[in-house]
């Protein structure tokens, strides 16, 4: 069973964690501000790569941003690459004028 949950951390950061059978196998490190989400890093466990988990996290991120009317600042190379490959699909959520 695959599940993605938003986990808040004590340092004001958060992450979208992807669980397979209740075990975290991938995560996307983020920080949520009133109008934007900064995405810092996407990590998939080495033994779980190639299964599409990063893409699932990315899709969840975009859906979350759209639902909550937030823009995404992609500091994460993976997220930036996804936006750059299909800018027309993400014009409504991609805030590419700020990178920090």
PDB file of N, CA and C in Angstrom:
ATOM      1  N   UNK A   1       0.836  -1.181   0.000  1.00  0.00           N
ATOM      2  CA  UNK A   1       0.000   0.000   0.000  1.00  0.00           C
ATOM      3  C   UNK A   1       0.887   1.252   0.000  1.00  0.00           C
ATOM      4  N   UNK A   2       0.620   2.167  -0.912  1.00  0.00           N
ATOM      5  CA  UNK A   2       1.374   3.418  -1.017  1.00  0.00           C
ATOM      6  C   UNK A   2       0.514   4.553  -0.470  1.00  0.00           C
ATOM      7  N   UNK A   3       1.153   5.393   0.355  1.00  0.00           N
ATOM      8  CA  UNK A   3       0.455   6.519   0.961  1.00  0.00           C
ATOM      9  C   UNK A   3       1.421   7.697   1.051  1.00  0.00           C
ATOM     10  N   UNK A   4       0.926   8.916   0.828  1.00  0.00           N
ATOM     11  CA  UNK A   4       1.743  10.123   0.972  1.00  0.00           C
ATOM     12  C   UNK A   4       1.116  10.984   2.060  1.00  0.00           C
ATOM     13  N   UNK A   5       1.962  11.405   3.009  1.00  0.00           N
ATOM     14  CA  UNK A   5       1.489  12.230   4.124  1.00  0.00           C
ATOM     15  C   UNK A   5       2.355  13.469   4.256  1.00  0.00           C
ATOM     16  N   UNK A   6       1.718  14.571   4.665  1.00  0.00           N
ATOM     17  CA  UNK A   6       2.435  15.790   5.019  1.00  0.00           C
ATOM     18  C   UNK A   6       2.869  15.661   6.471  1.00  0.00           C
ATOM     19  N   UNK A   7       4.180  15.815   6.717  1.00  0.00           N
ATOM     20  CA  UNK A   7       4.725  15.700   8.065  1.00  0.00           C
ATOM     21  C   UNK A   7       5.367  17.034   8.418  1.00  0.00           C
ATOM     22  N   UNK A   8       4.940  17.636   9.527  1.00  0.00           N
ATOM     23  CA  UNK A   8       5.521  18.891  10.003  1.00  0.00           C
ATOM     24  C   UNK A   8       6.671  18.579  10.948  1.00  0.00           C
ATOM     25  N   UNK A   9       7.784  19.313  10.801  1.00  0.00           N
ATOM     26  CA  UNK A   9       8.965  19.123  11.627  1.00  0.00           C
ATOM     27  C   UNK A   9       9.105  20.308  12.575  1.00  0.00           C
ATOM     28  N   UNK A  10       9.794  20.136  13.712  1.00  0.00           N
ATOM     29  CA  UNK A  10       9.889  21.212  14.697  1.00  0.00           C
ATOM     30  C   UNK A  10      10.628  22.461  14.219  1.00  0.00           C
ATOM     31  N   UNK A  11      11.435  22.374  13.176  1.00  0.00           N
ATOM     32  CA  UNK A  11      12.212  23.528  12.706  1.00  0.00           C
ATOM     33  C   UNK A  11      11.471  24.357  11.658  1.00  0.00           C
ATOM     34  N   UNK A  12      10.154  24.271  11.615  1.00  0.00           N
ATOM     35  CA  UNK A  12       9.295  24.987  10.661  1.00  0.00           C
ATOM     36  C   UNK A  12       9.347  24.409   9.258  1.00  0.00           C
ATOM     37  N   UNK A  13      10.110  23.378   9.063  1.00  0.00           N
ATOM     38  CA  UNK A  13      10.088  22.702   7.769  1.00  0.00           C
ATOM     39  C   UNK A  13       9.043  21.604   7.821  1.00  0.00           C
ATOM     40  N   UNK A  14       8.810  21.039   6.668  1.00  0.00           N
ATOM     41  CA  UNK A  14       7.869  19.931   6.553  1.00  0.00           C
ATOM     42  C   UNK A  14       8.368  19.008   5.454  1.00  0.00           C
ATOM     43  N   UNK A  15       7.677  17.922   5.264  1.00  0.00           N
ATOM     44  CA  UNK A  15       8.010  17.040   4.160  1.00  0.00           C
ATOM     45  C   UNK A  15       6.758  16.287   3.739  1.00  0.00           C
ATOM     46  N   UNK A  16       6.743  15.946   2.465  1.00  0.00           N
ATOM     47  CA  UNK A  16       5.777  14.974   1.989  1.00  0.00           C
ATOM     48  C   UNK A  16       6.521  13.652   2.032  1.00  0.00           C
ATOM     49  N   UNK A  17       6.040  12.722   2.840  1.00  0.00           N
ATOM     50  CA  UNK A  17       6.672  11.415   2.950  1.00  0.00           C
ATOM     51  C   UNK A  17       5.836  10.398   2.205  1.00  0.00           C
ATOM     52  N   UNK A  18       6.513   9.558   1.419  1.00  0.00           N
ATOM     53  CA  UNK A  18       5.843   8.484   0.705  1.00  0.00           C
ATOM     54  C   UNK A  18       6.129   7.185   1.439  1.00  0.00           C
ATOM     55  N   UNK A  19       5.061   6.514   1.835  1.00  0.00           N
ATOM     56  CA  UNK A  19       5.154   5.271   2.593  1.00  0.00           C
ATOM     57  C   UNK A  19       4.744   4.103   1.707  1.00  0.00           C
ATOM     58  N   UNK A  20       5.491   3.020   1.808  1.00  0.00           N
ATOM     59  CA  UNK A  20       5.106   1.752   1.199  1.00  0.00           C
ATOM     60  C   UNK A  20       5.000   0.770   2.360  1.00  0.00           C
ATOM     61  N   UNK A  21       3.802   0.249   2.555  1.00  0.00           N
ATOM     62  CA  UNK A  21       3.551  -0.664   3.680  1.00  0.00           C
ATOM     63  C   UNK A  21       4.024  -0.053   4.997  1.00  0.00           C
ATOM     64  N   UNK A  22       3.681   1.202   5.213  1.00  0.00           N
ATOM     65  CA  UNK A  22       3.942   1.951   6.456  1.00  0.00           C
ATOM     66  C   UNK A  22       5.416   2.286   6.677  1.00  0.00           C
ATOM     67  N   UNK A  23       6.259   2.131   5.679  1.00  0.00           N
ATOM     68  CA  UNK A  23       7.683   2.472   5.789  1.00  0.00           C
ATOM     69  C   UNK A  23       7.995   3.631   4.836  1.00  0.00           C
ATOM     70  N   UNK A  24       8.690   4.666   5.343  1.00  0.00           N
ATOM     71  CA  UNK A  24       9.058   5.799   4.500  1.00  0.00           C
ATOM     72  C   UNK A  24      10.132   5.348   3.512  1.00  0.00           C
ATOM     73  N   UNK A  25       9.845   5.503   2.220  1.00  0.00           N
ATOM     74  CA  UNK A  25      10.816   5.138   1.194  1.00  0.00           C
ATOM     75  C   UNK A  25      11.230   6.332   0.341  1.00  0.00           C
ATOM     76  N   UNK A  26      10.512   7.461   0.488  1.00  0.00           N
ATOM     77  CA  UNK A  26      10.844   8.664  -0.275  1.00  0.00           C
ATOM     78  C   UNK A  26      10.292   9.870   0.465  1.00  0.00           C
ATOM     79  N   UNK A  27      10.983  11.008   0.291  1.00  0.00           N
ATOM     80  CA  UNK A  27      10.472  12.225   0.907  1.00  0.00           C
ATOM     81  C   UNK A  27      10.868  13.442   0.094  1.00  0.00           C
ATOM     82  N   UNK A  28      10.039  14.461   0.235  1.00  0.00           N
ATOM     83  CA  UNK A  28      10.267  15.742  -0.413  1.00  0.00           C
ATOM     84  C   UNK A  28      10.333  16.783   0.698  1.00  0.00           C
ATOM     85  N   UNK A  29      11.492  17.404   0.871  1.00  0.00           N
ATOM     86  CA  UNK A  29      11.728  18.386   1.928  1.00  0.00           C
ATOM     87  C   UNK A  29      11.199  19.738   1.470  1.00  0.00           C
ATOM     88  N   UNK A  30      10.280  20.323   2.253  1.00  0.00           N
ATOM     89  CA  UNK A  30       9.608  21.563   1.857  1.00  0.00           C
ATOM     90  C   UNK A  30       9.500  22.519   3.044  1.00  0.00           C
ATOM     91  N   UNK A  31       9.133  23.754   2.733  1.00  0.00           N
ATOM     92  CA  UNK A  31       8.726  24.716   3.751  1.00  0.00           C
ATOM     93  C   UNK A  31       7.528  25.466   3.180  1.00  0.00           C
ATOM     94  N   UNK A  32       6.458  25.519   3.960  1.00  0.00           N
ATOM     95  CA  UNK A  32       5.218  26.139   3.510  1.00  0.00           C
ATOM     96  C   UNK A  32       5.113  27.535   4.115  1.00  0.00           C
ATOM     97  N   UNK A  33       4.970  28.512   3.240  1.00  0.00           N
ATOM     98  CA  UNK A  33       4.773  29.906   3.621  1.00  0.00           C
ATOM     99  C   UNK A  33       3.322  30.279   3.298  1.00  0.00           C
ATOM    100  N   UNK A  34       2.867  31.467   3.687  1.00  0.00           N
ATOM    101  CA  UNK A  34       1.462  31.828   3.416  1.00  0.00           C
ATOM    102  C   UNK A  34       1.069  31.767   1.932  1.00  0.00           C
ATOM    103  N   UNK A  35       1.999  32.073   1.029  1.00  0.00           N
ATOM    104  CA  UNK A  35       1.626  32.103  -0.379  1.00  0.00           C
ATOM    105  C   UNK A  35       2.476  31.201  -1.279  1.00  0.00           C
ATOM    106  N   UNK A  36       3.519  30.580  -0.724  1.00  0.00           N
ATOM    107  CA  UNK A  36       4.392  29.724  -1.530  1.00  0.00           C
ATOM    108  C   UNK A  36       4.837  28.489  -0.743  1.00  0.00           C
ATOM    109  N   UNK A  37       5.272  27.505  -1.508  1.00  0.00           N
ATOM    110  CA  UNK A  37       5.958  26.339  -0.947  1.00  0.00           C
ATOM    111  C   UNK A  37       7.349  26.326  -1.570  1.00  0.00           C
ATOM    112  N   UNK A  38       8.378  26.313  -0.740  1.00  0.00           N
ATOM    113  CA  UNK A  38       9.736  26.124  -1.238  1.00  0.00           C
ATOM    114  C   UNK A  38      10.043  24.637  -1.149  1.00  0.00           C
ATOM    115  N   UNK A  39      10.547  24.095  -2.244  1.00  0.00           N
ATOM    116  CA  UNK A  39      10.900  22.678  -2.284  1.00  0.00           C
ATOM    117  C   UNK A  39      12.413  22.588  -2.346  1.00  0.00           C
ATOM    118  N   UNK A  40      12.996  21.969  -1.311  1.00  0.00           N
ATOM    119  CA  UNK A  40      14.445  21.943  -1.180  1.00  0.00           C
ATOM    120  C   UNK A  40      15.091  20.685  -1.746  1.00  0.00           C
ATOM    121  N   UNK A  41      14.440  19.547  -1.577  1.00  0.00           N
ATOM    122  CA  UNK A  41      15.102  18.302  -1.943  1.00  0.00           C
ATOM    123  C   UNK A  41      14.069  17.188  -2.083  1.00  0.00           C
ATOM    124  N   UNK A  42      14.321  16.297  -3.022  1.00  0.00           N
ATOM    125  CA  UNK A  42      13.523  15.080  -3.164  1.00  0.00           C
ATOM    126  C   UNK A  42      14.481  13.907  -3.048  1.00  0.00           C
ATOM    127  N   UNK A  43      14.158  12.981  -2.169  1.00  0.00           N
ATOM    128  CA  UNK A  43      15.035  11.842  -1.925  1.00  0.00           C
ATOM    129  C   UNK A  43      14.230  10.551  -1.952  1.00  0.00           C
ATOM    130  N   UNK A  44      14.717   9.587  -2.717  1.00  0.00           N
ATOM    131  CA  UNK A  44      14.138   8.250  -2.754  1.00  0.00           C
ATOM    132  C   UNK A  44      15.226   7.285  -2.302  1.00  0.00           C
ATOM    133  N   UNK A  45      14.880   6.386  -1.377  1.00  0.00           N
ATOM    134  CA  UNK A  45      15.857   5.398  -0.921  1.00  0.00           C
ATOM    135  C   UNK A  45      16.462   4.667  -2.115  1.00  0.00           C
ATOM    136  N   UNK A  46      17.757   4.418  -2.047  1.00  0.00           N
ATOM    137  CA  UNK A  46      18.485   3.817  -3.169  1.00  0.00           C
ATOM    138  C   UNK A  46      17.834   2.528  -3.660  1.00  0.00           C
ATOM    139  N   UNK A  47      17.365   1.701  -2.751  1.00  0.00           N
ATOM    140  CA  UNK A  47      16.777   0.422  -3.153  1.00  0.00           C
ATOM    141  C   UNK A  47      15.354   0.554  -3.689  1.00  0.00           C
ATOM    142  N   UNK A  48      14.821   1.786  -3.704  1.00  0.00           N
ATOM    143  CA  UNK A  48      13.453   2.024  -4.179  1.00  0.00           C
ATOM    144  C   UNK A  48      13.404   2.874  -5.446  1.00  0.00           C
ATOM    145  N   UNK A  49      14.557   3.230  -5.969  1.00  0.00           N
ATOM    146  CA  UNK A  49      14.593   4.090  -7.166  1.00  0.00           C
ATOM    147  C   UNK A  49      14.084   3.343  -8.391  1.00  0.00           C
ATOM    148  N   UNK A  50      13.550   4.123  -9.329  1.00  0.00           N
ATOM    149  CA  UNK A  50      13.053   3.543 -10.569  1.00  0.00           C
ATOM    150  C   UNK A  50      11.617   3.053 -10.481  1.00  0.00           C
ATOM    151  N   UNK A  51      10.957   3.324  -9.381  1.00  0.00           N
ATOM    152  CA  UNK A  51       9.578   2.860  -9.192  1.00  0.00           C
ATOM    153  C   UNK A  51       8.561   3.988  -9.345  1.00  0.00           C
ATOM    154  N   UNK A  52       9.037   5.189  -9.686  1.00  0.00           N
ATOM    155  CA  UNK A  52       8.135   6.311  -9.908  1.00  0.00           C
ATOM    156  C   UNK A  52       7.728   7.063  -8.649  1.00  0.00           C
ATOM    157  N   UNK A  53       8.430   6.835  -7.540  1.00  0.00           N
ATOM    158  CA  UNK A  53       8.050   7.472  -6.286  1.00  0.00           C
ATOM    159  C   UNK A  53       8.310   8.977  -6.294  1.00  0.00           C
ATOM    160  N   UNK A  54       9.396   9.428  -6.900  1.00  0.00           N
ATOM    161  CA  UNK A  54       9.657  10.866  -6.987  1.00  0.00           C
ATOM    162  C   UNK A  54       8.545  11.549  -7.782  1.00  0.00           C
ATOM    163  N   UNK A  55       8.109  10.930  -8.848  1.00  0.00           N
ATOM    164  CA  UNK A  55       7.024  11.484  -9.669  1.00  0.00           C
ATOM    165  C   UNK A  55       5.727  11.552  -8.877  1.00  0.00           C
ATOM    166  N   UNK A  56       5.462  10.538  -8.057  1.00  0.00           N
ATOM    167  CA  UNK A  56       4.255  10.558  -7.230  1.00  0.00           C
ATOM    168  C   UNK A  56       4.314  11.700  -6.213  1.00  0.00           C
ATOM    169  N   UNK A  57       5.480  11.905  -5.605  1.00  0.00           N
ATOM    170  CA  UNK A  57       5.639  13.026  -4.683  1.00  0.00           C
ATOM    171  C   UNK A  57       5.443  14.353  -5.406  1.00  0.00           C
ATOM    172  N   UNK A  58       6.010  14.467  -6.599  1.00  0.00           N
ATOM    173  CA  UNK A  58       5.873  15.685  -7.394  1.00  0.00           C
ATOM    174  C   UNK A  58       4.399  15.970  -7.709  1.00  0.00           C
ATOM    175  N   UNK A  59       3.687  14.951  -8.137  1.00  0.00           N
ATOM    176  CA  UNK A  59       2.263  15.103  -8.458  1.00  0.00           C
ATOM    177  C   UNK A  59       1.480  15.530  -7.217  1.00  0.00           C
ATOM    178  N   UNK A  60       1.807  14.937  -6.084  1.00  0.00           N
ATOM    179  CA  UNK A  60       1.144  15.299  -4.828  1.00  0.00           C
ATOM    180  C   UNK A  60       1.434  16.762  -4.468  1.00  0.00           C
ATOM    181  N   UNK A  61       2.688  17.181  -4.633  1.00  0.00           N
ATOM    182  CA  UNK A  61       3.081  18.568  -4.380  1.00  0.00           C
ATOM    183  C   UNK A  61       2.257  19.537  -5.224  1.00  0.00           C
ATOM    184  N   UNK A  62       2.172  19.283  -6.506  1.00  0.00           N
ATOM    185  CA  UNK A  62       1.436  20.168  -7.418  1.00  0.00           C
ATOM    186  C   UNK A  62      -0.044  20.198  -7.053  1.00  0.00           C
ATOM    187  N   UNK A  63      -0.614  19.033  -6.759  1.00  0.00           N
ATOM    188  CA  UNK A  63      -2.025  18.988  -6.360  1.00  0.00           C
ATOM    189  C   UNK A  63      -2.254  19.770  -5.066  1.00  0.00           C
ATOM    190  N   UNK A  64      -1.355  19.618  -4.115  1.00  0.00           N
ATOM    191  CA  UNK A  64      -1.453  20.336  -2.839  1.00  0.00           C
ATOM    192  C   UNK A  64      -1.393  21.843  -3.079  1.00  0.00           C
ATOM    193  N   UNK A  65      -0.445  22.274  -3.908  1.00  0.00           N
ATOM    194  CA  UNK A  65      -0.309  23.702  -4.204  1.00  0.00           C
ATOM    195  C   UNK A  65      -1.566  24.249  -4.884  1.00  0.00           C
ATOM    196  N   UNK A  66      -2.085  23.517  -5.840  1.00  0.00           N
ATOM    197  CA  UNK A  66      -3.296  23.983  -6.531  1.00  0.00           C
ATOM    198  C   UNK A  66      -4.489  24.047  -5.583  1.00  0.00           C
ATOM    199  N   UNK A  67      -4.653  23.033  -4.764  1.00  0.00           N
ATOM    200  CA  UNK A  67      -5.765  22.990  -3.815  1.00  0.00           C
ATOM    201  C   UNK A  67      -5.700  24.142  -2.823  1.00  0.00           C
ATOM    202  N   UNK A  68      -4.480  24.484  -2.401  1.00  0.00           N
ATOM    203  CA  UNK A  68      -4.295  25.518  -1.382  1.00  0.00           C
ATOM    204  C   UNK A  68      -3.924  26.880  -1.955  1.00  0.00           C
ATOM    205  N   UNK A  69      -4.000  27.000  -3.292  1.00  0.00           N
ATOM    206  CA  UNK A  69      -3.722  28.266  -3.985  1.00  0.00           C
ATOM    207  C   UNK A  69      -2.344  28.824  -3.629  1.00  0.00           C
ATOM    208  N   UNK A  70      -1.338  27.950  -3.718  1.00  0.00           N
ATOM    209  CA  UNK A  70       0.044  28.311  -3.425  1.00  0.00           C
ATOM    210  C   UNK A  70       0.886  28.213  -4.681  1.00  0.00           C
ATOM    211  N   UNK A  71       1.944  28.998  -4.742  1.00  0.00           N
ATOM    212  CA  UNK A  71       2.944  28.891  -5.798  1.00  0.00           C
ATOM    213  C   UNK A  71       4.080  28.020  -5.266  1.00  0.00           C
ATOM    214  N   UNK A  72       4.846  27.441  -6.167  1.00  0.00           N
ATOM    215  CA  UNK A  72       5.961  26.577  -5.794  1.00  0.00           C
ATOM    216  C   UNK A  72       7.265  27.205  -6.268  1.00  0.00           C
ATOM    217  N   UNK A  73       8.216  27.322  -5.349  1.00  0.00           N
ATOM    218  CA  UNK A  73       9.569  27.767  -5.685  1.00  0.00           C
ATOM    219  C   UNK A  73      10.449  26.517  -5.658  1.00  0.00           C
ATOM    220  N   UNK A  74      10.893  26.053  -6.821  1.00  0.00           N
ATOM    221  CA  UNK A  74      11.635  24.797  -6.888  1.00  0.00           C
ATOM    222  C   UNK A  74      13.144  24.968  -6.723  1.00  0.00           C
ATOM    223  N   UNK A  75      13.626  24.898  -5.510  1.00  0.00           N
ATOM    224  CA  UNK A  75      15.056  24.877  -5.273  1.00  0.00           C
ATOM    225  C   UNK A  75      15.592  23.481  -5.612  1.00  0.00           C
ATOM    226  N   UNK A  76      14.773  22.482  -5.399  1.00  0.00           N
ATOM    227  CA  UNK A  76      15.086  21.089  -5.720  1.00  0.00           C
ATOM    228  C   UNK A  76      15.291  20.918  -7.227  1.00  0.00           C
ATOM    229  N   UNK A  77      16.396  20.312  -7.610  1.00  0.00           N
ATOM    230  CA  UNK A  77      16.704  20.118  -9.031  1.00  0.00           C
ATOM    231  C   UNK A  77      15.664  19.256  -9.740  1.00  0.00           C
ATOM    232  N   UNK A  78      15.160  18.239  -9.066  1.00  0.00           N
ATOM    233  CA  UNK A  78      14.165  17.357  -9.684  1.00  0.00           C
ATOM    234  C   UNK A  78      12.888  18.128 -10.018  1.00  0.00           C
ATOM    235  N   UNK A  79      12.397  18.887  -9.049  1.00  0.00           N
ATOM    236  CA  UNK A  79      11.161  19.650  -9.265  1.00  0.00           C
ATOM    237  C   UNK A  79      11.383  20.706 -10.348  1.00  0.00           C
ATOM    238  N   UNK A  80      12.513  21.393 -10.301  1.00  0.00           N
ATOM    239  CA  UNK A  80      12.810  22.394 -11.325  1.00  0.00           C
ATOM    240  C   UNK A  80      12.857  21.753 -12.711  1.00  0.00           C
ATOM    241  N   UNK A  81      13.453  20.582 -12.816  1.00  0.00           N
ATOM    242  CA  UNK A  81      13.528  19.881 -14.112  1.00  0.00           C
ATOM    243  C   UNK A  81      12.139  19.516 -14.624  1.00  0.00           C
ATOM    244  N   UNK A  82      11.251  19.081 -13.728  1.00  0.00           N
ATOM    245  CA  UNK A  82       9.882  18.746 -14.138  1.00  0.00           C
ATOM    246  C   UNK A  82       9.156  19.986 -14.655  1.00  0.00           C
ATOM    247  N   UNK A  83       9.292  21.097 -13.941  1.00  0.00           N
ATOM    248  CA  UNK A  83       8.666  22.339 -14.377  1.00  0.00           C
ATOM    249  C   UNK A  83       9.232  22.797 -15.718  1.00  0.00           C
ATOM    250  N   UNK A  84      10.547  22.738 -15.854  1.00  0.00           N
ATOM    251  CA  UNK A  84      11.207  23.196 -17.081  1.00  0.00           C
ATOM    252  C   UNK A  84      10.824  22.349 -18.287  1.00  0.00           C
ATOM    253  N   UNK A  85      10.607  21.055 -18.061  1.00  0.00           N
ATOM    254  CA  UNK A  85      10.253  20.160 -19.166  1.00  0.00           C
ATOM    255  C   UNK A  85       8.838  20.403 -19.677  1.00  0.00           C
ATOM    256  N   UNK A  86       7.951  20.883 -18.817  1.00  0.00           N
ATOM    257  CA  UNK A  86       6.556  21.082 -19.198  1.00  0.00           C
ATOM    258  C   UNK A  86       6.009  22.385 -18.602  1.00  0.00           C
ATOM    259  N   UNK A  87       6.607  23.522 -18.956  1.00  0.00           N
ATOM    260  CA  UNK A  87       6.203  24.787 -18.319  1.00  0.00           C
ATOM    261  C   UNK A  87       4.731  25.136 -18.512  1.00  0.00           C
ATOM    262  N   UNK A  88       4.152  24.736 -19.637  1.00  0.00           N
ATOM    263  CA  UNK A  88       2.753  25.058 -19.894  1.00  0.00           C
ATOM    264  C   UNK A  88       1.818  24.347 -18.909  1.00  0.00           C
ATOM    265  N   UNK A  89       2.211  23.184 -18.403  1.00  0.00           N
ATOM    266  CA  UNK A  89       1.371  22.439 -17.466  1.00  0.00           C
ATOM    267  C   UNK A  89       1.396  23.031 -16.055  1.00  0.00           C
ATOM    268  N   UNK A  90       2.479  23.752 -15.748  1.00  0.00           N
ATOM    269  CA  UNK A  90       2.681  24.203 -14.374  1.00  0.00           C
ATOM    270  C   UNK A  90       2.715  25.720 -14.226  1.00  0.00           C
ATOM    271  N   UNK A  91       2.288  26.427 -15.256  1.00  0.00           N
ATOM    272  CA  UNK A  91       2.331  27.896 -15.224  1.00  0.00           C
ATOM    273  C   UNK A  91       1.555  28.465 -14.037  1.00  0.00           C
ATOM    274  N   UNK A  92       0.506  27.814 -13.625  1.00  0.00           N
ATOM    275  CA  UNK A  92      -0.307  28.313 -12.530  1.00  0.00           C
ATOM    276  C   UNK A  92       0.291  28.136 -11.150  1.00  0.00           C
ATOM    277  N   UNK A  93       1.284  27.250 -11.027  1.00  0.00           N
ATOM    278  CA  UNK A  93       1.869  27.005  -9.701  1.00  0.00           C
ATOM    279  C   UNK A  93       3.357  27.312  -9.630  1.00  0.00           C
ATOM    280  N   UNK A  94       4.031  27.404 -10.761  1.00  0.00           N
ATOM    281  CA  UNK A  94       5.481  27.602 -10.774  1.00  0.00           C
ATOM    282  C   UNK A  94       5.818  29.071 -10.604  1.00  0.00           C
ATOM    283  N   UNK A  95       6.479  29.407  -9.518  1.00  0.00           N
ATOM    284  CA  UNK A  95       6.977  30.769  -9.304  1.00  0.00           C
ATOM    285  C   UNK A  95       8.470  30.729  -9.585  1.00  0.00           C
ATOM    286  N   UNK A  96       8.844  31.051 -10.808  1.00  0.00           N
ATOM    287  CA  UNK A  96      10.255  30.891 -11.202  1.00  0.00           C
ATOM    288  C   UNK A  96      11.037  32.181 -11.216  1.00  0.00           C
ATOM    289  N   UNK A  97      10.499  33.234 -10.604  1.00  0.00           N
ATOM    290  CA  UNK A  97      11.252  34.472 -10.523  1.00  0.00           C
ATOM    291  C   UNK A  97      12.078  34.563  -9.240  1.00  0.00           C
ATOM    292  N   UNK A  98      11.892  33.593  -8.321  1.00  0.00           N
ATOM    293  CA  UNK A  98      12.672  33.562  -7.065  1.00  0.00           C
ATOM    294  C   UNK A  98      13.199  32.153  -6.883  1.00  0.00           C
ATOM    295  N   UNK A  99      14.448  32.033  -6.537  1.00  0.00           N
ATOM    296  CA  UNK A  99      15.031  30.715  -6.302  1.00  0.00           C
ATOM    297  C   UNK A  99      15.539  30.546  -4.880  1.00  0.00           C
ATOM    298  N   UNK A 100      15.437  31.506  -4.013  1.00  0.00           N
ATOM    299  CA  UNK A 100      15.969  31.367  -2.669  1.00  0.00           C
ATOM    300  C   UNK A 100      14.922  31.578  -1.685  1.00  0.00           C
TER     301      UNK A 100
END
